[in-house]
N, C-alpha and C. Protein backbone atom coordinates (compact mmCIF):
# COMPACT_ATOMS: atom_id res chain seq x y z
N UNK A 1 21.57 -2.10 -4.05
CA UNK A 1 21.50 -1.39 -5.29
C UNK A 1 20.04 -1.21 -5.67
N UNK A 2 19.61 0.01 -5.88
CA UNK A 2 18.19 0.24 -6.20
C UNK A 2 17.85 -0.23 -7.62
N UNK A 3 16.62 -0.65 -7.78
CA UNK A 3 16.15 -1.05 -9.09
C UNK A 3 15.62 0.18 -9.82
N UNK A 4 16.00 0.31 -11.06
CA UNK A 4 15.60 1.47 -11.86
C UNK A 4 14.22 1.19 -12.44
N UNK A 5 13.27 2.03 -12.10
CA UNK A 5 11.93 1.89 -12.63
C UNK A 5 11.74 2.78 -13.86
N UNK A 6 12.35 3.93 -13.84
CA UNK A 6 12.25 4.87 -14.96
C UNK A 6 13.64 5.40 -15.28
N UNK A 7 13.93 5.54 -16.56
CA UNK A 7 15.23 6.01 -16.99
C UNK A 7 15.04 7.22 -17.90
N UNK A 8 15.65 8.33 -17.53
CA UNK A 8 15.51 9.56 -18.31
C UNK A 8 16.59 9.57 -19.39
N UNK A 9 16.16 9.69 -20.64
CA UNK A 9 17.08 9.71 -21.78
C UNK A 9 17.02 11.05 -22.48
N UNK A 10 18.01 11.49 -23.11
CA UNK A 10 19.38 10.96 -23.19
C UNK A 10 20.15 11.30 -21.92
N UNK A 11 21.04 10.41 -21.54
CA UNK A 11 21.83 10.61 -20.32
C UNK A 11 22.99 11.57 -20.56
N UNK A 12 23.60 11.48 -21.69
CA UNK A 12 24.74 12.35 -22.00
C UNK A 12 24.28 13.40 -23.01
N UNK A 13 24.50 14.63 -22.68
CA UNK A 13 23.99 15.72 -23.52
C UNK A 13 24.89 16.04 -24.71
N UNK A 14 26.18 15.91 -24.58
CA UNK A 14 27.12 16.38 -25.60
C UNK A 14 27.94 15.28 -26.25
N UNK A 15 27.60 14.04 -26.05
CA UNK A 15 28.43 12.96 -26.57
C UNK A 15 27.96 12.54 -27.97
N UNK A 16 28.04 13.43 -28.90
CA UNK A 16 27.72 13.09 -30.29
C UNK A 16 28.83 13.61 -31.19
N UNK A 17 28.99 12.95 -32.29
CA UNK A 17 30.01 13.39 -33.25
C UNK A 17 29.46 14.57 -34.06
N UNK A 18 30.30 15.53 -34.29
CA UNK A 18 29.89 16.70 -35.08
C UNK A 18 29.92 16.36 -36.57
N UNK A 19 28.94 16.85 -37.30
CA UNK A 19 28.97 16.62 -38.74
C UNK A 19 30.12 17.39 -39.39
N UNK A 20 30.59 16.89 -40.52
CA UNK A 20 31.71 17.54 -41.23
C UNK A 20 31.21 18.80 -41.93
N UNK A 21 32.08 19.73 -42.06
CA UNK A 21 31.77 20.95 -42.79
C UNK A 21 31.04 22.00 -41.96
N UNK A 22 31.09 21.89 -40.64
CA UNK A 22 30.45 22.89 -39.77
C UNK A 22 31.41 24.06 -39.62
N UNK A 23 30.90 25.27 -39.84
CA UNK A 23 31.75 26.46 -39.72
C UNK A 23 31.90 26.89 -38.26
N UNK A 24 30.80 26.78 -37.48
CA UNK A 24 30.84 27.23 -36.09
C UNK A 24 30.56 26.02 -35.19
N UNK A 25 31.61 25.39 -34.71
CA UNK A 25 31.47 24.19 -33.89
C UNK A 25 30.79 24.48 -32.55
N UNK A 26 31.09 25.60 -31.95
CA UNK A 26 30.49 25.95 -30.66
C UNK A 26 28.97 26.07 -30.79
N UNK A 27 28.51 26.69 -31.84
CA UNK A 27 27.07 26.84 -32.05
C UNK A 27 26.42 25.47 -32.28
N UNK A 28 27.11 24.59 -33.01
CA UNK A 28 26.58 23.25 -33.27
C UNK A 28 26.48 22.45 -31.97
N UNK A 29 27.51 22.48 -31.14
CA UNK A 29 27.50 21.77 -29.86
C UNK A 29 26.41 22.33 -28.95
N UNK A 30 26.25 23.63 -28.93
CA UNK A 30 25.22 24.27 -28.12
C UNK A 30 23.83 23.83 -28.57
N UNK A 31 23.60 23.80 -29.87
CA UNK A 31 22.29 23.39 -30.39
C UNK A 31 22.00 21.92 -30.08
N UNK A 32 23.01 21.07 -30.24
CA UNK A 32 22.83 19.64 -29.90
C UNK A 32 22.55 19.48 -28.42
N UNK A 33 23.27 20.20 -27.58
CA UNK A 33 23.06 20.11 -26.12
C UNK A 33 21.67 20.59 -25.74
N UNK A 34 21.23 21.70 -26.31
CA UNK A 34 19.89 22.22 -26.01
C UNK A 34 18.80 21.26 -26.49
N UNK A 35 18.99 20.66 -27.65
CA UNK A 35 18.01 19.68 -28.15
C UNK A 35 17.94 18.47 -27.21
N UNK A 36 19.08 18.01 -26.72
CA UNK A 36 19.09 16.88 -25.79
C UNK A 36 18.48 17.26 -24.43
N UNK A 37 18.67 18.50 -24.01
CA UNK A 37 18.04 18.97 -22.77
C UNK A 37 16.52 18.97 -22.92
N UNK A 38 16.04 19.39 -24.08
CA UNK A 38 14.59 19.37 -24.33
C UNK A 38 14.07 17.94 -24.33
N UNK A 39 14.83 17.00 -24.89
CA UNK A 39 14.44 15.59 -24.86
C UNK A 39 14.39 15.06 -23.41
N UNK A 40 15.37 15.46 -22.60
CA UNK A 40 15.37 15.05 -21.19
C UNK A 40 14.16 15.60 -20.47
N UNK A 41 13.83 16.86 -20.69
CA UNK A 41 12.66 17.47 -20.05
C UNK A 41 11.37 16.78 -20.48
N UNK A 42 11.30 16.39 -21.74
CA UNK A 42 10.14 15.66 -22.23
C UNK A 42 10.01 14.31 -21.53
N UNK A 43 11.12 13.60 -21.42
CA UNK A 43 11.13 12.31 -20.72
C UNK A 43 10.76 12.48 -19.25
N UNK A 44 11.31 13.52 -18.62
CA UNK A 44 11.02 13.80 -17.22
C UNK A 44 9.54 14.14 -17.03
N UNK A 45 8.98 14.88 -17.95
CA UNK A 45 7.56 15.24 -17.87
C UNK A 45 6.68 14.00 -17.98
N UNK A 46 7.03 13.10 -18.88
CA UNK A 46 6.27 11.86 -19.04
C UNK A 46 6.31 11.03 -17.75
N UNK A 47 7.47 10.91 -17.16
CA UNK A 47 7.60 10.13 -15.93
C UNK A 47 6.91 10.81 -14.75
N UNK A 48 6.94 12.14 -14.72
CA UNK A 48 6.23 12.85 -13.65
C UNK A 48 4.73 12.60 -13.75
N UNK A 49 4.22 12.57 -14.97
CA UNK A 49 2.80 12.27 -15.16
C UNK A 49 2.48 10.86 -14.68
N UNK A 50 3.35 9.89 -14.98
CA UNK A 50 3.16 8.52 -14.51
C UNK A 50 3.17 8.44 -12.99
N UNK A 51 4.12 9.15 -12.38
CA UNK A 51 4.25 9.12 -10.91
C UNK A 51 3.00 9.72 -10.26
N UNK A 52 2.54 10.86 -10.77
CA UNK A 52 1.36 11.48 -10.19
C UNK A 52 0.10 10.65 -10.44
N UNK A 53 0.06 9.94 -11.56
CA UNK A 53 -1.06 9.03 -11.80
C UNK A 53 -1.09 7.89 -10.80
N UNK A 54 0.09 7.31 -10.54
CA UNK A 54 0.18 6.25 -9.54
C UNK A 54 -0.18 6.77 -8.15
N UNK A 55 0.28 7.97 -7.84
CA UNK A 55 -0.03 8.58 -6.54
C UNK A 55 -1.53 8.81 -6.40
N UNK A 56 -2.18 9.26 -7.48
CA UNK A 56 -3.62 9.47 -7.45
C UNK A 56 -4.35 8.15 -7.21
N UNK A 57 -3.92 7.08 -7.88
CA UNK A 57 -4.56 5.77 -7.70
C UNK A 57 -4.38 5.27 -6.27
N UNK A 58 -3.20 5.46 -5.69
CA UNK A 58 -2.97 5.05 -4.31
C UNK A 58 -3.85 5.85 -3.34
N UNK A 59 -3.96 7.15 -3.58
CA UNK A 59 -4.79 7.99 -2.71
C UNK A 59 -6.26 7.60 -2.83
N UNK A 60 -6.69 7.25 -4.02
CA UNK A 60 -8.09 6.83 -4.22
C UNK A 60 -8.34 5.52 -3.49
N UNK A 61 -7.43 4.58 -3.60
CA UNK A 61 -7.56 3.30 -2.91
C UNK A 61 -7.57 3.51 -1.39
N UNK A 62 -6.69 4.38 -0.90
CA UNK A 62 -6.64 4.67 0.53
C UNK A 62 -7.94 5.30 1.01
N UNK A 63 -8.48 6.22 0.21
CA UNK A 63 -9.74 6.88 0.55
C UNK A 63 -10.87 5.86 0.63
N UNK A 64 -10.91 4.93 -0.32
CA UNK A 64 -11.94 3.90 -0.30
C UNK A 64 -11.84 3.05 0.96
N UNK A 65 -10.62 2.66 1.34
CA UNK A 65 -10.44 1.85 2.55
C UNK A 65 -10.84 2.61 3.81
N UNK A 66 -10.50 3.91 3.86
CA UNK A 66 -10.85 4.71 5.03
C UNK A 66 -12.37 4.85 5.14
N UNK A 67 -13.04 5.08 4.01
CA UNK A 67 -14.50 5.20 4.04
C UNK A 67 -15.15 3.89 4.47
N UNK A 68 -14.62 2.77 4.00
CA UNK A 68 -15.14 1.47 4.40
C UNK A 68 -14.95 1.26 5.90
N UNK A 69 -13.79 1.62 6.40
CA UNK A 69 -13.52 1.49 7.83
C UNK A 69 -14.44 2.40 8.65
N UNK A 70 -14.70 3.61 8.16
CA UNK A 70 -15.59 4.53 8.87
C UNK A 70 -17.01 3.96 8.94
N UNK A 71 -17.47 3.34 7.86
CA UNK A 71 -18.80 2.71 7.88
C UNK A 71 -18.86 1.58 8.89
N UNK A 72 -17.80 0.79 8.98
CA UNK A 72 -17.77 -0.30 9.96
C UNK A 72 -17.79 0.25 11.38
N UNK A 73 -17.04 1.32 11.63
CA UNK A 73 -17.01 1.93 12.97
C UNK A 73 -18.39 2.47 13.31
N UNK A 74 -19.05 3.11 12.35
CA UNK A 74 -20.40 3.63 12.60
C UNK A 74 -21.37 2.51 12.95
N UNK A 75 -21.31 1.40 12.21
CA UNK A 75 -22.21 0.28 12.51
C UNK A 75 -21.92 -0.29 13.89
N UNK A 76 -20.63 -0.40 14.24
CA UNK A 76 -20.28 -0.92 15.57
C UNK A 76 -20.73 0.01 16.68
N UNK A 77 -20.61 1.31 16.46
CA UNK A 77 -21.03 2.25 17.51
C UNK A 77 -22.54 2.17 17.72
N UNK A 78 -23.29 1.98 16.65
CA UNK A 78 -24.75 1.81 16.80
C UNK A 78 -25.05 0.54 17.56
N UNK A 79 -24.35 -0.55 17.23
CA UNK A 79 -24.58 -1.83 17.92
C UNK A 79 -24.22 -1.73 19.39
N UNK A 80 -23.14 -1.05 19.70
CA UNK A 80 -22.70 -0.94 21.09
C UNK A 80 -23.67 -0.11 21.91
N UNK A 81 -24.21 0.94 21.33
CA UNK A 81 -25.15 1.78 22.08
C UNK A 81 -26.46 1.05 22.33
N UNK A 82 -26.78 0.04 21.52
CA UNK A 82 -28.04 -0.69 21.71
C UNK A 82 -27.90 -1.85 22.69
N UNK A 83 -26.70 -2.16 23.14
CA UNK A 83 -26.51 -3.27 24.06
C UNK A 83 -26.89 -2.88 25.48
N UNK A 84 -27.43 -3.85 26.20
CA UNK A 84 -27.76 -3.65 27.62
C UNK A 84 -26.62 -4.25 28.45
N UNK A 85 -25.94 -3.43 29.26
CA UNK A 85 -24.77 -3.94 30.01
C UNK A 85 -25.12 -5.08 30.96
N UNK A 86 -26.27 -5.02 31.61
CA UNK A 86 -26.65 -6.08 32.56
C UNK A 86 -26.89 -7.40 31.84
N UNK A 87 -27.53 -7.32 30.68
CA UNK A 87 -27.80 -8.53 29.90
C UNK A 87 -26.50 -9.16 29.39
N UNK A 88 -25.57 -8.34 28.93
CA UNK A 88 -24.30 -8.86 28.44
C UNK A 88 -23.49 -9.49 29.56
N UNK A 89 -23.54 -8.90 30.75
CA UNK A 89 -22.82 -9.47 31.89
C UNK A 89 -23.40 -10.84 32.25
N UNK A 90 -24.73 -10.97 32.21
CA UNK A 90 -25.38 -12.24 32.51
C UNK A 90 -24.99 -13.29 31.46
N UNK A 91 -24.95 -12.91 30.18
CA UNK A 91 -24.57 -13.85 29.12
C UNK A 91 -23.13 -14.33 29.31
N UNK A 92 -22.25 -13.41 29.69
CA UNK A 92 -20.85 -13.78 29.88
C UNK A 92 -20.70 -14.80 30.99
N UNK A 93 -21.36 -14.56 32.14
CA UNK A 93 -21.22 -15.50 33.26
C UNK A 93 -21.89 -16.82 32.96
N UNK A 94 -22.98 -16.81 32.23
CA UNK A 94 -23.65 -18.05 31.88
C UNK A 94 -22.76 -18.89 30.96
N UNK A 95 -22.15 -18.25 29.96
CA UNK A 95 -21.28 -18.98 29.04
C UNK A 95 -20.03 -19.51 29.75
N UNK A 96 -19.46 -18.72 30.63
CA UNK A 96 -18.24 -19.17 31.31
C UNK A 96 -18.55 -20.31 32.28
N UNK A 97 -19.70 -20.23 32.96
CA UNK A 97 -20.07 -21.33 33.86
C UNK A 97 -20.34 -22.59 33.07
N UNK A 98 -20.99 -22.46 31.93
CA UNK A 98 -21.25 -23.62 31.09
C UNK A 98 -19.94 -24.24 30.62
N UNK A 99 -18.99 -23.44 30.25
CA UNK A 99 -17.70 -23.95 29.79
C UNK A 99 -16.99 -24.70 30.90
N UNK A 100 -16.95 -24.10 32.11
CA UNK A 100 -16.23 -24.75 33.20
C UNK A 100 -16.94 -26.02 33.66
N UNK A 101 -18.26 -26.03 33.64
CA UNK A 101 -18.96 -27.25 34.04
C UNK A 101 -18.76 -28.34 32.98
N UNK A 102 -18.78 -27.97 31.71
CA UNK A 102 -18.57 -28.92 30.63
C UNK A 102 -17.16 -29.50 30.68
N UNK A 103 -16.17 -28.67 30.91
CA UNK A 103 -14.79 -29.15 30.96
C UNK A 103 -14.55 -30.02 32.19
N UNK A 104 -15.22 -29.71 33.29
CA UNK A 104 -15.04 -30.54 34.49
C UNK A 104 -15.67 -31.92 34.30
N UNK A 105 -16.70 -32.01 33.45
CA UNK A 105 -17.29 -33.31 33.16
C UNK A 105 -16.40 -34.13 32.22
N UNK A 106 -15.74 -33.46 31.31
CA UNK A 106 -14.91 -34.18 30.34
C UNK A 106 -13.53 -34.54 30.87
N UNK A 107 -13.05 -33.82 31.85
CA UNK A 107 -11.69 -34.06 32.32
C UNK A 107 -11.46 -35.49 32.82
N UNK A 108 -12.35 -36.06 33.65
CA UNK A 108 -12.10 -37.45 34.09
C UNK A 108 -12.09 -38.44 32.92
N UNK A 109 -12.96 -38.23 31.95
CA UNK A 109 -12.99 -39.12 30.79
C UNK A 109 -11.71 -38.99 29.98
N UNK A 110 -11.26 -37.76 29.79
CA UNK A 110 -10.02 -37.51 29.07
C UNK A 110 -8.84 -38.16 29.79
N UNK A 111 -8.81 -37.98 31.09
CA UNK A 111 -7.71 -38.55 31.87
C UNK A 111 -7.71 -40.06 31.81
N UNK A 112 -8.88 -40.67 31.87
CA UNK A 112 -9.00 -42.13 31.78
C UNK A 112 -8.51 -42.63 30.42
N UNK A 113 -8.86 -41.93 29.34
CA UNK A 113 -8.41 -42.32 28.00
C UNK A 113 -6.90 -42.16 27.86
N UNK A 114 -6.33 -41.15 28.45
CA UNK A 114 -4.90 -40.92 28.36
C UNK A 114 -4.13 -42.00 29.13
N UNK A 115 -4.72 -42.49 30.19
CA UNK A 115 -4.03 -43.52 30.98
C UNK A 115 -4.00 -44.85 30.26
N UNK A 116 -4.93 -45.09 29.34
CA UNK A 116 -4.96 -46.34 28.61
C UNK A 116 -3.78 -46.45 27.66
N UNK A 117 -3.23 -45.36 27.23
CA UNK A 117 -2.11 -45.39 26.30
C UNK A 117 -0.88 -45.57 27.07
């Protein structure tokens, strides 16, 4: 069941009691119905303004996020173009060799400690 965020009033256009002493009942019902239609249009207009305001705020927020993301991409593209591929490859192999040599030194100590338990 959907949750109602906005409710357009009046819901029923012709559900009112007629005043006594009316000579032309059809004209009275027509006038009441038209007045209620105008009230509905007024309510609908107010809600349409609210909806478009919310839509504008969402679009503004989205635009801000996209611009921020574009700035980050631009900074990254500048950083990537300034990198030297040979230097980065050397750094990668140096770090990975250091990691494997460090872990191979710690493994016997770790294994010895685990055996004590």
